[in-house]
Amino acid sequence: MFTSGKASDVDFFIQHFYTHFELANNKSEVVEVWLDKFDASIANWDFQSGAKLLAAIKKLSLSPDETALAYMATGEIQTQQGNFEEANRSYTRALQIADNPNQQETKFRILNRFAASLASQQKYEEAEKYYQDAISLANNLNRSYLIAQSYFNLAILLDEQGKWKDAIQAYKKSLAKLN
């Protein structure tokens, strides 16, 4: 929808978001839709514009899930910009906010994204720990697709480190959960 990356597009997007937010009966639903649009669109925007949108979203009175997702998205932008310390703080904050039994799927998403960020920083042991935490959480949720996704992500990490036997086992576990 907004793919040029021009500041005017982002300003319009933010204004449009606020209008929808003010008119909505279910404000959480609107925020979730717009966070999803942000997530899908960030690759087409410059990161400064994405950060501007997230700053606007964070000013709203959000649910814990929405706040955690906003911090996660901020961490993604900071990772892409190479601001790893800031990214790690954003992901850590997102995990603190999502540390509630009602937010387990949000926490799962954050764990996987944080692990990917750590892997891009070549902090493989930490990344592996977060992928293992995501696997445990997915098992607790009893969600086969989430378990498969986590094992697949772990397999990629292990493969990147040359741990091929472990990577093959993780790939096999991923595939087993999809059958």
Foldseek 3Di string as FASTA:
>chain_A
DQQQQDLVSLVVLLVVLVVCCVPDPPNQVSLVVVLVVLVVRVVRHQLVSSVVSLVSSCVDDYDLLSNLSSLLVVLVSCLVVVVNVSSLVSLVVSLVSQPDPVRLVSNLVSLQSNLVSCVVVVVLVSSLVSLVVSLVSCVVVVPLQSNLVSLQSNLVSCVVVVVNVSSVVSNVSSVVSVD
